[in-house]
């Protein structure tokens, strides 16, 4: 999803969807 710093393989990152913040699991 967000290509930032890959420190953890699976981490929770806040994502803005329709102006609301959702904490989603990003695996990569």
Protein backbone atom coordinates (compact mmCIF):
# COMPACT_ATOMS: atom_id res chain seq x y z
CA UNK A 1 0.00 0.00 0.00
CA UNK A 2 2.17 2.82 1.27
CA UNK A 3 5.72 2.57 0.04
CA UNK A 4 7.56 4.13 2.94
CA UNK A 5 10.01 2.55 5.35
CA UNK A 6 9.76 -1.23 5.54
CA UNK A 7 10.83 -1.89 9.10
CA UNK A 8 8.42 -4.69 9.91
CA UNK A 9 7.10 -7.40 7.62
CA UNK A 10 3.62 -7.02 9.06
CA UNK A 11 2.69 -3.78 10.73
CA UNK A 12 -0.34 -1.62 11.44
CA UNK A 13 -0.32 1.62 9.53
CA UNK A 14 -2.99 4.34 9.63
CA UNK A 15 -4.54 4.91 6.23
CA UNK A 16 -6.76 7.82 5.25
CA UNK A 17 -9.89 6.68 3.44
CA UNK A 18 -12.60 9.21 2.66
CA UNK A 19 -11.19 11.54 5.31
CA UNK A 20 -11.31 8.85 7.99
CA UNK A 21 -8.33 7.08 9.49
CA UNK A 22 -8.31 3.32 9.25
CA UNK A 23 -5.64 1.12 10.80
CA UNK A 24 -4.94 -1.58 8.27
CA UNK A 25 -2.49 -4.46 8.18
CA UNK A 26 0.15 -4.00 5.54
CA UNK A 27 1.95 -7.18 4.49
CA UNK A 28 4.94 -6.80 2.20
